[in-house]
Amino acid sequence: MPSDKKERRILYQERREQGNCPRCGKKKRKTEKRVYCADCREFFRNYNANNFDTISLARQTIYDQRKENNQCPICGKKHKARYTNIICRKCLDKKYNTQ
């Protein structure tokens, strides 16, 4: 697996276009409608179930640090001095316009 983000993204897109699982590269069944194969979906379910508390705590810590530093907790952009909202305008627009 490539270590560079761009290389991983390219590999992901190539595998997906070929009809393979983007994570492991195994050929999926034609009747399979999901992006990942059954084995990889099982891996993600187990990983998330086992590491939920750690992931949640890390996200909450980052959120709190950004909020204290007058940054947007979602993207990390520094707010201007008179900005009163917690989340920046760009993230708010993205959140409410995509739904």
PDB file of N, CA and C in Angstrom:
ATOM      1  N   MET A   1       0.842  -1.174   0.000  1.00  0.00           N
ATOM      2  CA  MET A   1       0.000   0.000   0.000  1.00  0.00           C
ATOM      3  C   MET A   1       0.887   1.237   0.000  1.00  0.00           C
ATOM      4  N   PRO A   2       0.652   2.181  -0.899  1.00  0.00           N
ATOM      5  CA  PRO A   2       1.453   3.405  -0.938  1.00  0.00           C
ATOM      6  C   PRO A   2       1.277   4.238   0.331  1.00  0.00           C
ATOM      7  N   SER A   3       2.323   4.946   0.710  1.00  0.00           N
ATOM      8  CA  SER A   3       2.260   5.739   1.933  1.00  0.00           C
ATOM      9  C   SER A   3       1.826   7.182   1.658  1.00  0.00           C
ATOM     10  N   ASP A   4       1.941   7.641   0.441  1.00  0.00           N
ATOM     11  CA  ASP A   4       1.581   9.007   0.084  1.00  0.00           C
ATOM     12  C   ASP A   4       0.070   9.100  -0.160  1.00  0.00           C
ATOM     13  N   LYS A   5      -0.554  10.185   0.290  1.00  0.00           N
ATOM     14  CA  LYS A   5      -2.003  10.337   0.158  1.00  0.00           C
ATOM     15  C   LYS A   5      -2.442  10.340  -1.305  1.00  0.00           C
ATOM     16  N   LYS A   6      -1.696  11.035  -2.150  1.00  0.00           N
ATOM     17  CA  LYS A   6      -2.073  11.107  -3.561  1.00  0.00           C
ATOM     18  C   LYS A   6      -1.990   9.739  -4.228  1.00  0.00           C
ATOM     19  N   GLU A   7      -0.948   8.990  -3.909  1.00  0.00           N
ATOM     20  CA  GLU A   7      -0.805   7.655  -4.482  1.00  0.00           C
ATOM     21  C   GLU A   7      -1.919   6.726  -4.018  1.00  0.00           C
ATOM     22  N   ARG A   8      -2.292   6.822  -2.730  1.00  0.00           N
ATOM     23  CA  ARG A   8      -3.383   5.996  -2.210  1.00  0.00           C
ATOM     24  C   ARG A   8      -4.694   6.351  -2.897  1.00  0.00           C
ATOM     25  N   ARG A   9      -4.911   7.638  -3.127  1.00  0.00           N
ATOM     26  CA  ARG A   9      -6.148   8.080  -3.774  1.00  0.00           C
ATOM     27  C   ARG A   9      -6.223   7.571  -5.213  1.00  0.00           C
ATOM     28  N   ILE A  10      -5.094   7.635  -5.914  1.00  0.00           N
ATOM     29  CA  ILE A  10      -5.047   7.145  -7.292  1.00  0.00           C
ATOM     30  C   ILE A  10      -5.327   5.648  -7.328  1.00  0.00           C
ATOM     31  N   LEU A  11      -4.706   4.893  -6.415  1.00  0.00           N
ATOM     32  CA  LEU A  11      -4.924   3.452  -6.339  1.00  0.00           C
ATOM     33  C   LEU A  11      -6.385   3.148  -6.019  1.00  0.00           C
ATOM     34  N   TYR A  12      -6.972   3.896  -5.103  1.00  0.00           N
ATOM     35  CA  TYR A  12      -8.388   3.733  -4.743  1.00  0.00           C
ATOM     36  C   TYR A  12      -9.265   3.916  -5.988  1.00  0.00           C
ATOM     37  N   GLN A  13      -9.022   4.994  -6.740  1.00  0.00           N
ATOM     38  CA  GLN A  13      -9.850   5.284  -7.911  1.00  0.00           C
ATOM     39  C   GLN A  13      -9.683   4.228  -9.002  1.00  0.00           C
ATOM     40  N   GLU A  14      -8.441   3.775  -9.206  1.00  0.00           N
ATOM     41  CA  GLU A  14      -8.199   2.742 -10.216  1.00  0.00           C
ATOM     42  C   GLU A  14      -8.930   1.457  -9.871  1.00  0.00           C
ATOM     43  N   ARG A  15      -8.815   1.031  -8.620  1.00  0.00           N
ATOM     44  CA  ARG A  15      -9.477  -0.211  -8.200  1.00  0.00           C
ATOM     45  C   ARG A  15     -10.984  -0.090  -8.311  1.00  0.00           C
ATOM     46  N   ARG A  16     -11.510   1.063  -7.944  1.00  0.00           N
ATOM     47  CA  ARG A  16     -12.956   1.246  -7.981  1.00  0.00           C
ATOM     48  C   ARG A  16     -13.477   1.225  -9.416  1.00  0.00           C
ATOM     49  N   GLU A  17     -12.754   1.868 -10.337  1.00  0.00           N
ATOM     50  CA  GLU A  17     -13.158   1.878 -11.742  1.00  0.00           C
ATOM     51  C   GLU A  17     -13.121   0.475 -12.349  1.00  0.00           C
ATOM     52  N   GLN A  18     -12.199  -0.353 -11.887  1.00  0.00           N
ATOM     53  CA  GLN A  18     -12.071  -1.712 -12.405  1.00  0.00           C
ATOM     54  C   GLN A  18     -13.101  -2.663 -11.800  1.00  0.00           C
ATOM     55  N   GLY A  19     -13.830  -2.207 -10.808  1.00  0.00           N
ATOM     56  CA  GLY A  19     -14.835  -3.044 -10.165  1.00  0.00           C
ATOM     57  C   GLY A  19     -14.275  -3.874  -9.035  1.00  0.00           C
ATOM     58  N   ASN A  20     -13.094  -3.501  -8.550  1.00  0.00           N
ATOM     59  CA  ASN A  20     -12.472  -4.210  -7.435  1.00  0.00           C
ATOM     60  C   ASN A  20     -12.726  -3.469  -6.132  1.00  0.00           C
ATOM     61  N   CYS A  21     -12.489  -4.152  -5.035  1.00  0.00           N
ATOM     62  CA  CYS A  21     -12.572  -3.517  -3.724  1.00  0.00           C
ATOM     63  C   CYS A  21     -11.423  -2.513  -3.614  1.00  0.00           C
ATOM     64  N   PRO A  22     -11.692  -1.254  -3.288  1.00  0.00           N
ATOM     65  CA  PRO A  22     -10.630  -0.248  -3.231  1.00  0.00           C
ATOM     66  C   PRO A  22      -9.613  -0.485  -2.119  1.00  0.00           C
ATOM     67  N   ARG A  23      -9.986  -1.214  -1.079  1.00  0.00           N
ATOM     68  CA  ARG A  23      -9.069  -1.439   0.034  1.00  0.00           C
ATOM     69  C   ARG A  23      -8.113  -2.594  -0.226  1.00  0.00           C
ATOM     70  N   CYS A  24      -8.648  -3.755  -0.602  1.00  0.00           N
ATOM     71  CA  CYS A  24      -7.796  -4.941  -0.750  1.00  0.00           C
ATOM     72  C   CYS A  24      -7.512  -5.302  -2.202  1.00  0.00           C
ATOM     73  N   GLY A  25      -8.326  -4.827  -3.139  1.00  0.00           N
ATOM     74  CA  GLY A  25      -8.097  -5.092  -4.554  1.00  0.00           C
ATOM     75  C   GLY A  25      -8.743  -6.364  -5.064  1.00  0.00           C
ATOM     76  N   LYS A  26      -9.487  -7.080  -4.204  1.00  0.00           N
ATOM     77  CA  LYS A  26     -10.157  -8.303  -4.648  1.00  0.00           C
ATOM     78  C   LYS A  26     -11.292  -7.969  -5.603  1.00  0.00           C
ATOM     79  N   LYS A  27     -11.509  -8.850  -6.554  1.00  0.00           N
ATOM     80  CA  LYS A  27     -12.607  -8.685  -7.494  1.00  0.00           C
ATOM     81  C   LYS A  27     -13.926  -8.909  -6.769  1.00  0.00           C
ATOM     82  N   LYS A  28     -14.872  -7.980  -6.924  1.00  0.00           N
ATOM     83  CA  LYS A  28     -16.177  -8.127  -6.293  1.00  0.00           C
ATOM     84  C   LYS A  28     -17.136  -8.834  -7.235  1.00  0.00           C
ATOM     85  N   ARG A  29     -18.186  -9.387  -6.664  1.00  0.00           N
ATOM     86  CA  ARG A  29     -19.222  -9.996  -7.486  1.00  0.00           C
ATOM     87  C   ARG A  29     -19.972  -8.903  -8.228  1.00  0.00           C
ATOM     88  N   LYS A  30     -20.512  -9.234  -9.372  1.00  0.00           N
ATOM     89  CA  LYS A  30     -21.256  -8.238 -10.154  1.00  0.00           C
ATOM     90  C   LYS A  30     -22.550  -7.835  -9.463  1.00  0.00           C
ATOM     91  N   THR A  31     -23.078  -8.718  -8.629  1.00  0.00           N
ATOM     92  CA  THR A  31     -24.318  -8.409  -7.920  1.00  0.00           C
ATOM     93  C   THR A  31     -24.060  -7.521  -6.697  1.00  0.00           C
ATOM     94  N   GLU A  32     -22.802  -7.376  -6.320  1.00  0.00           N
ATOM     95  CA  GLU A  32     -22.426  -6.563  -5.147  1.00  0.00           C
ATOM     96  C   GLU A  32     -22.639  -5.084  -5.473  1.00  0.00           C
ATOM     97  N   LYS A  33     -23.450  -4.402  -4.685  1.00  0.00           N
ATOM     98  CA  LYS A  33     -23.742  -2.996  -4.942  1.00  0.00           C
ATOM     99  C   LYS A  33     -22.883  -2.058  -4.110  1.00  0.00           C
ATOM    100  N   ARG A  34     -22.201  -2.581  -3.108  1.00  0.00           N
ATOM    101  CA  ARG A  34     -21.383  -1.739  -2.238  1.00  0.00           C
ATOM    102  C   ARG A  34     -19.995  -1.570  -2.819  1.00  0.00           C
ATOM    103  N   VAL A  35     -19.285  -0.546  -2.342  1.00  0.00           N
ATOM    104  CA  VAL A  35     -17.947  -0.243  -2.836  1.00  0.00           C
ATOM    105  C   VAL A  35     -16.937  -1.268  -2.333  1.00  0.00           C
ATOM    106  N   TYR A  36     -17.004  -1.622  -1.063  1.00  0.00           N
ATOM    107  CA  TYR A  36     -16.040  -2.541  -0.460  1.00  0.00           C
ATOM    108  C   TYR A  36     -16.574  -3.969  -0.461  1.00  0.00           C
ATOM    109  N   CYS A  37     -15.658  -4.937  -0.473  1.00  0.00           N
ATOM    110  CA  CYS A  37     -16.050  -6.346  -0.430  1.00  0.00           C
ATOM    111  C   CYS A  37     -16.544  -6.692   0.986  1.00  0.00           C
ATOM    112  N   ALA A  38     -17.109  -7.869   1.125  1.00  0.00           N
ATOM    113  CA  ALA A  38     -17.677  -8.293   2.411  1.00  0.00           C
ATOM    114  C   ALA A  38     -16.601  -8.376   3.495  1.00  0.00           C
ATOM    115  N   ASP A  39     -15.400  -8.866   3.150  1.00  0.00           N
ATOM    116  CA  ASP A  39     -14.324  -8.980   4.139  1.00  0.00           C
ATOM    117  C   ASP A  39     -13.904  -7.609   4.671  1.00  0.00           C
ATOM    118  N   CYS A  40     -13.775  -6.640   3.781  1.00  0.00           N
ATOM    119  CA  CYS A  40     -13.346  -5.302   4.206  1.00  0.00           C
ATOM    120  C   CYS A  40     -14.435  -4.605   5.017  1.00  0.00           C
ATOM    121  N   ARG A  41     -15.694  -4.812   4.646  1.00  0.00           N
ATOM    122  CA  ARG A  41     -16.787  -4.236   5.434  1.00  0.00           C
ATOM    123  C   ARG A  41     -16.794  -4.824   6.832  1.00  0.00           C
ATOM    124  N   GLU A  42     -16.522  -6.121   6.940  1.00  0.00           N
ATOM    125  CA  GLU A  42     -16.439  -6.766   8.248  1.00  0.00           C
ATOM    126  C   GLU A  42     -15.284  -6.192   9.062  1.00  0.00           C
ATOM    127  N   PHE A  43     -14.149  -5.952   8.389  1.00  0.00           N
ATOM    128  CA  PHE A  43     -12.997  -5.349   9.060  1.00  0.00           C
ATOM    129  C   PHE A  43     -13.351  -3.971   9.616  1.00  0.00           C
ATOM    130  N   PHE A  44     -14.012  -3.141   8.804  1.00  0.00           N
ATOM    131  CA  PHE A  44     -14.382  -1.799   9.249  1.00  0.00           C
ATOM    132  C   PHE A  44     -15.364  -1.857  10.420  1.00  0.00           C
ATOM    133  N   ARG A  45     -16.333  -2.775  10.365  1.00  0.00           N
ATOM    134  CA  ARG A  45     -17.286  -2.908  11.467  1.00  0.00           C
ATOM    135  C   ARG A  45     -16.569  -3.267  12.766  1.00  0.00           C
ATOM    136  N   ASN A  46     -15.671  -4.229  12.699  1.00  0.00           N
ATOM    137  CA  ASN A  46     -14.942  -4.650  13.894  1.00  0.00           C
ATOM    138  C   ASN A  46     -14.014  -3.553  14.391  1.00  0.00           C
ATOM    139  N   TYR A  47     -13.335  -2.880  13.480  1.00  0.00           N
ATOM    140  CA  TYR A  47     -12.407  -1.815  13.863  1.00  0.00           C
ATOM    141  C   TYR A  47     -13.158  -0.697  14.578  1.00  0.00           C
ATOM    142  N   ASN A  48     -14.267  -0.268  13.991  1.00  0.00           N
ATOM    143  CA  ASN A  48     -15.035   0.815  14.598  1.00  0.00           C
ATOM    144  C   ASN A  48     -15.630   0.401  15.939  1.00  0.00           C
ATOM    145  N   ALA A  49     -16.081  -0.823  16.047  1.00  0.00           N
ATOM    146  CA  ALA A  49     -16.659  -1.287  17.306  1.00  0.00           C
ATOM    147  C   ALA A  49     -15.598  -1.347  18.402  1.00  0.00           C
ATOM    148  N   ASN A  50     -14.390  -1.796  18.049  1.00  0.00           N
ATOM    149  CA  ASN A  50     -13.335  -1.945  19.044  1.00  0.00           C
ATOM    150  C   ASN A  50     -12.674  -0.623  19.422  1.00  0.00           C
ATOM    151  N   ASN A  51     -12.651   0.332  18.526  1.00  0.00           N
ATOM    152  CA  ASN A  51     -11.910   1.567  18.753  1.00  0.00           C
ATOM    153  C   ASN A  51     -12.793   2.803  18.874  1.00  0.00           C
ATOM    154  N   PHE A  52     -14.089   2.615  19.060  1.00  0.00           N
ATOM    155  CA  PHE A  52     -15.011   3.739  19.100  1.00  0.00           C
ATOM    156  C   PHE A  52     -14.654   4.740  20.198  1.00  0.00           C
ATOM    157  N   ASP A  53     -14.367   4.248  21.393  1.00  0.00           N
ATOM    158  CA  ASP A  53     -14.076   5.138  22.513  1.00  0.00           C
ATOM    159  C   ASP A  53     -12.823   5.969  22.262  1.00  0.00           C
ATOM    160  N   THR A  54     -11.781   5.351  21.729  1.00  0.00           N
ATOM    161  CA  THR A  54     -10.532   6.056  21.450  1.00  0.00           C
ATOM    162  C   THR A  54     -10.733   7.115  20.381  1.00  0.00           C
ATOM    163  N   ILE A  55     -11.429   6.740  19.308  1.00  0.00           N
ATOM    164  CA  ILE A  55     -11.675   7.672  18.203  1.00  0.00           C
ATOM    165  C   ILE A  55     -12.536   8.831  18.681  1.00  0.00           C
ATOM    166  N   SER A  56     -13.568   8.531  19.446  1.00  0.00           N
ATOM    167  CA  SER A  56     -14.472   9.556  19.948  1.00  0.00           C
ATOM    168  C   SER A  56     -13.739  10.542  20.858  1.00  0.00           C
ATOM    169  N   LEU A  57     -12.904  10.030  21.733  1.00  0.00           N
ATOM    170  CA  LEU A  57     -12.145  10.882  22.644  1.00  0.00           C
ATOM    171  C   LEU A  57     -11.183  11.781  21.873  1.00  0.00           C
ATOM    172  N   ALA A  58     -10.522  11.247  20.858  1.00  0.00           N
ATOM    173  CA  ALA A  58      -9.585  12.042  20.057  1.00  0.00           C
ATOM    174  C   ALA A  58     -10.315  13.158  19.316  1.00  0.00           C
ATOM    175  N   ARG A  59     -11.466  12.847  18.739  1.00  0.00           N
ATOM    176  CA  ARG A  59     -12.246  13.871  18.030  1.00  0.00           C
ATOM    177  C   ARG A  59     -12.720  14.962  18.987  1.00  0.00           C
ATOM    178  N   GLN A  60     -13.181  14.563  20.151  1.00  0.00           N
ATOM    179  CA  GLN A  60     -13.664  15.535  21.131  1.00  0.00           C
ATOM    180  C   GLN A  60     -12.529  16.430  21.613  1.00  0.00           C
ATOM    181  N   THR A  61     -11.344  15.876  21.791  1.00  0.00           N
ATOM    182  CA  THR A  61     -10.180  16.653  22.218  1.00  0.00           C
ATOM    183  C   THR A  61      -9.824  17.699  21.175  1.00  0.00           C
ATOM    184  N   ILE A  62      -9.792  17.294  19.914  1.00  0.00           N
ATOM    185  CA  ILE A  62      -9.484  18.236  18.831  1.00  0.00           C
ATOM    186  C   ILE A  62     -10.546  19.322  18.764  1.00  0.00           C
ATOM    187  N   TYR A  63     -11.814  18.948  18.886  1.00  0.00           N
ATOM    188  CA  TYR A  63     -12.912  19.905  18.864  1.00  0.00           C
ATOM    189  C   TYR A  63     -12.737  20.944  19.969  1.00  0.00           C
ATOM    190  N   ASP A  64     -12.468  20.479  21.177  1.00  0.00           N
ATOM    191  CA  ASP A  64     -12.312  21.388  22.315  1.00  0.00           C
ATOM    192  C   ASP A  64     -11.103  22.312  22.155  1.00  0.00           C
ATOM    193  N   GLN A  65      -9.990  21.780  21.658  1.00  0.00           N
ATOM    194  CA  GLN A  65      -8.789  22.601  21.465  1.00  0.00           C
ATOM    195  C   GLN A  65      -9.032  23.687  20.433  1.00  0.00           C
ATOM    196  N   ARG A  66      -9.667  23.335  19.338  1.00  0.00           N
ATOM    197  CA  ARG A  66      -9.943  24.323  18.296  1.00  0.00           C
ATOM    198  C   ARG A  66     -10.917  25.386  18.787  1.00  0.00           C
ATOM    199  N   LYS A  67     -11.895  24.971  19.556  1.00  0.00           N
ATOM    200  CA  LYS A  67     -12.879  25.918  20.083  1.00  0.00           C
ATOM    201  C   LYS A  67     -12.215  26.919  21.030  1.00  0.00           C
ATOM    202  N   GLU A  68     -11.309  26.459  21.880  1.00  0.00           N
ATOM    203  CA  GLU A  68     -10.586  27.335  22.805  1.00  0.00           C
ATOM    204  C   GLU A  68      -9.668  28.310  22.069  1.00  0.00           C
ATOM    205  N   ASN A  69      -9.094  27.869  20.944  1.00  0.00           N
ATOM    206  CA  ASN A  69      -8.160  28.698  20.184  1.00  0.00           C
ATOM    207  C   ASN A  69      -8.850  29.589  19.163  1.00  0.00           C
ATOM    208  N   ASN A  70     -10.174  29.733  19.262  1.00  0.00           N
ATOM    209  CA  ASN A  70     -10.949  30.583  18.364  1.00  0.00           C
ATOM    210  C   ASN A  70     -10.805  30.115  16.915  1.00  0.00           C
ATOM    211  N   GLN A  71     -10.888  28.791  16.726  1.00  0.00           N
ATOM    212  CA  GLN A  71     -10.844  28.195  15.406  1.00  0.00           C
ATOM    213  C   GLN A  71     -12.149  27.462  15.136  1.00  0.00           C
ATOM    214  N   CYS A  72     -12.423  27.247  13.854  1.00  0.00           N
ATOM    215  CA  CYS A  72     -13.569  26.421  13.490  1.00  0.00           C
ATOM    216  C   CYS A  72     -13.254  24.987  13.910  1.00  0.00           C
ATOM    217  N   PRO A  73     -14.122  24.346  14.698  1.00  0.00           N
ATOM    218  CA  PRO A  73     -13.835  22.989  15.159  1.00  0.00           C
ATOM    219  C   PRO A  73     -13.867  21.944  14.045  1.00  0.00           C
ATOM    220  N   ILE A  74     -14.467  22.267  12.915  1.00  0.00           N
ATOM    221  CA  ILE A  74     -14.567  21.308  11.824  1.00  0.00           C
ATOM    222  C   ILE A  74     -13.342  21.358  10.922  1.00  0.00           C
ATOM    223  N   CYS A  75     -12.994  22.554  10.430  1.00  0.00           N
ATOM    224  CA  CYS A  75     -11.889  22.658   9.469  1.00  0.00           C
ATOM    225  C   CYS A  75     -10.609  23.219  10.080  1.00  0.00           C
ATOM    226  N   GLY A  76     -10.684  23.880  11.226  1.00  0.00           N
ATOM    227  CA  GLY A  76      -9.499  24.408  11.892  1.00  0.00           C
ATOM    228  C   GLY A  76      -9.126  25.821  11.474  1.00  0.00           C
ATOM    229  N   LYS A  77      -9.941  26.452  10.632  1.00  0.00           N
ATOM    230  CA  LYS A  77      -9.655  27.807  10.173  1.00  0.00           C
ATOM    231  C   LYS A  77      -9.790  28.793  11.332  1.00  0.00           C
ATOM    232  N   LYS A  78      -8.842  29.698  11.439  1.00  0.00           N
ATOM    233  CA  LYS A  78      -8.841  30.699  12.511  1.00  0.00           C
ATOM    234  C   LYS A  78      -9.933  31.734  12.242  1.00  0.00           C
ATOM    235  N   HIS A  79     -10.734  32.032  13.267  1.00  0.00           N
ATOM    236  CA  HIS A  79     -11.791  33.039  13.150  1.00  0.00           C
ATOM    237  C   HIS A  79     -11.213  34.434  13.307  1.00  0.00           C
ATOM    238  N   LYS A  80     -11.895  35.394  12.714  1.00  0.00           N
ATOM    239  CA  LYS A  80     -11.512  36.792  12.903  1.00  0.00           C
ATOM    240  C   LYS A  80     -11.951  37.235  14.289  1.00  0.00           C
ATOM    241  N   ALA A  81     -11.450  38.368  14.718  1.00  0.00           N
ATOM    242  CA  ALA A  81     -11.651  38.832  16.094  1.00  0.00           C
ATOM    243  C   ALA A  81     -13.131  39.006  16.456  1.00  0.00           C
ATOM    244  N   ARG A  82     -13.942  39.513  15.571  1.00  0.00           N
ATOM    245  CA  ARG A  82     -15.341  39.805  15.888  1.00  0.00           C
ATOM    246  C   ARG A  82     -16.311  38.693  15.500  1.00  0.00           C
ATOM    247  N   TYR A  83     -15.822  37.598  15.007  1.00  0.00           N
ATOM    248  CA  TYR A  83     -16.690  36.490  14.591  1.00  0.00           C
ATOM    249  C   TYR A  83     -17.241  35.806  15.836  1.00  0.00           C
ATOM    250  N   THR A  84     -18.564  35.685  15.938  1.00  0.00           N
ATOM    251  CA  THR A  84     -19.177  35.188  17.165  1.00  0.00           C
ATOM    252  C   THR A  84     -19.622  33.728  17.090  1.00  0.00           C
ATOM    253  N   ASN A  85     -19.809  33.185  15.901  1.00  0.00           N
ATOM    254  CA  ASN A  85     -20.237  31.791  15.779  1.00  0.00           C
ATOM    255  C   ASN A  85     -19.085  30.848  16.098  1.00  0.00           C
ATOM    256  N   ILE A  86     -19.407  29.623  16.405  1.00  0.00           N
ATOM    257  CA  ILE A  86     -18.383  28.623  16.681  1.00  0.00           C
ATOM    258  C   ILE A  86     -17.848  28.030  15.377  1.00  0.00           C
ATOM    259  N   ILE A  87     -18.756  27.716  14.442  1.00  0.00           N
ATOM    260  CA  ILE A  87     -18.384  27.114  13.167  1.00  0.00           C
ATOM    261  C   ILE A  87     -18.278  28.212  12.110  1.00  0.00           C
ATOM    262  N   CYS A  88     -17.267  28.097  11.234  1.00  0.00           N
ATOM    263  CA  CYS A  88     -17.041  29.131  10.219  1.00  0.00           C
ATOM    264  C   CYS A  88     -18.158  29.123   9.176  1.00  0.00           C
ATOM    265  N   ARG A  89     -18.268  30.213   8.445  1.00  0.00           N
ATOM    266  CA  ARG A  89     -19.333  30.387   7.463  1.00  0.00           C
ATOM    267  C   ARG A  89     -19.258  29.313   6.370  1.00  0.00           C
ATOM    268  N   LYS A  90     -18.056  28.980   5.911  1.00  0.00           N
ATOM    269  CA  LYS A  90     -17.881  27.985   4.848  1.00  0.00           C
ATOM    270  C   LYS A  90     -18.403  26.615   5.287  1.00  0.00           C
ATOM    271  N   CYS A  91     -18.063  26.206   6.508  1.00  0.00           N
ATOM    272  CA  CYS A  91     -18.527  24.910   7.019  1.00  0.00           C
ATOM    273  C   CYS A  91     -20.037  24.914   7.259  1.00  0.00           C
ATOM    274  N   LEU A  92     -20.574  26.033   7.706  1.00  0.00           N
ATOM    275  CA  LEU A  92     -22.024  26.137   7.899  1.00  0.00           C
ATOM    276  C   LEU A  92     -22.752  26.012   6.569  1.00  0.00           C
ATOM    277  N   ASP A  93     -22.244  26.705   5.541  1.00  0.00           N
ATOM    278  CA  ASP A  93     -22.869  26.619   4.219  1.00  0.00           C
ATOM    279  C   ASP A  93     -22.815  25.202   3.685  1.00  0.00           C
ATOM    280  N   LYS A  94     -21.668  24.550   3.850  1.00  0.00           N
ATOM    281  CA  LYS A  94     -21.516  23.194   3.364  1.00  0.00           C
ATOM    282  C   LYS A  94     -22.464  22.250   4.098  1.00  0.00           C
ATOM    283  N   LYS A  95     -22.616  22.450   5.393  1.00  0.00           N
ATOM    284  CA  LYS A  95     -23.460  21.582   6.198  1.00  0.00           C
ATOM    285  C   LYS A  95     -24.932  21.713   5.824  1.00  0.00           C
ATOM    286  N   TYR A  96     -25.414  22.939   5.622  1.00  0.00           N
ATOM    287  CA  TYR A  96     -26.822  23.147   5.392  1.00  0.00           C
ATOM    288  C   TYR A  96     -27.233  23.121   3.927  1.00  0.00           C
ATOM    289  N   ASN A  97     -26.304  23.277   3.001  1.00  0.00           N
ATOM    290  CA  ASN A  97     -26.649  23.247   1.594  1.00  0.00           C
ATOM    291  C   ASN A  97     -26.591  21.854   0.986  1.00  0.00           C
ATOM    292  N   THR A  98     -25.909  20.911   1.646  1.00  0.00           N
ATOM    293  CA  THR A  98     -25.801  19.568   1.107  1.00  0.00           C
ATOM    294  C   THR A  98     -26.952  18.672   1.528  1.00  0.00           C
ATOM    295  N   GLN A  99     -27.715  19.070   2.485  1.00  0.00           N
ATOM    296  CA  GLN A  99     -28.802  18.203   2.974  1.00  0.00           C
ATOM    297  C   GLN A  99     -30.053  18.362   2.188  1.00  0.00           C
TER     298      GLN A  99
END
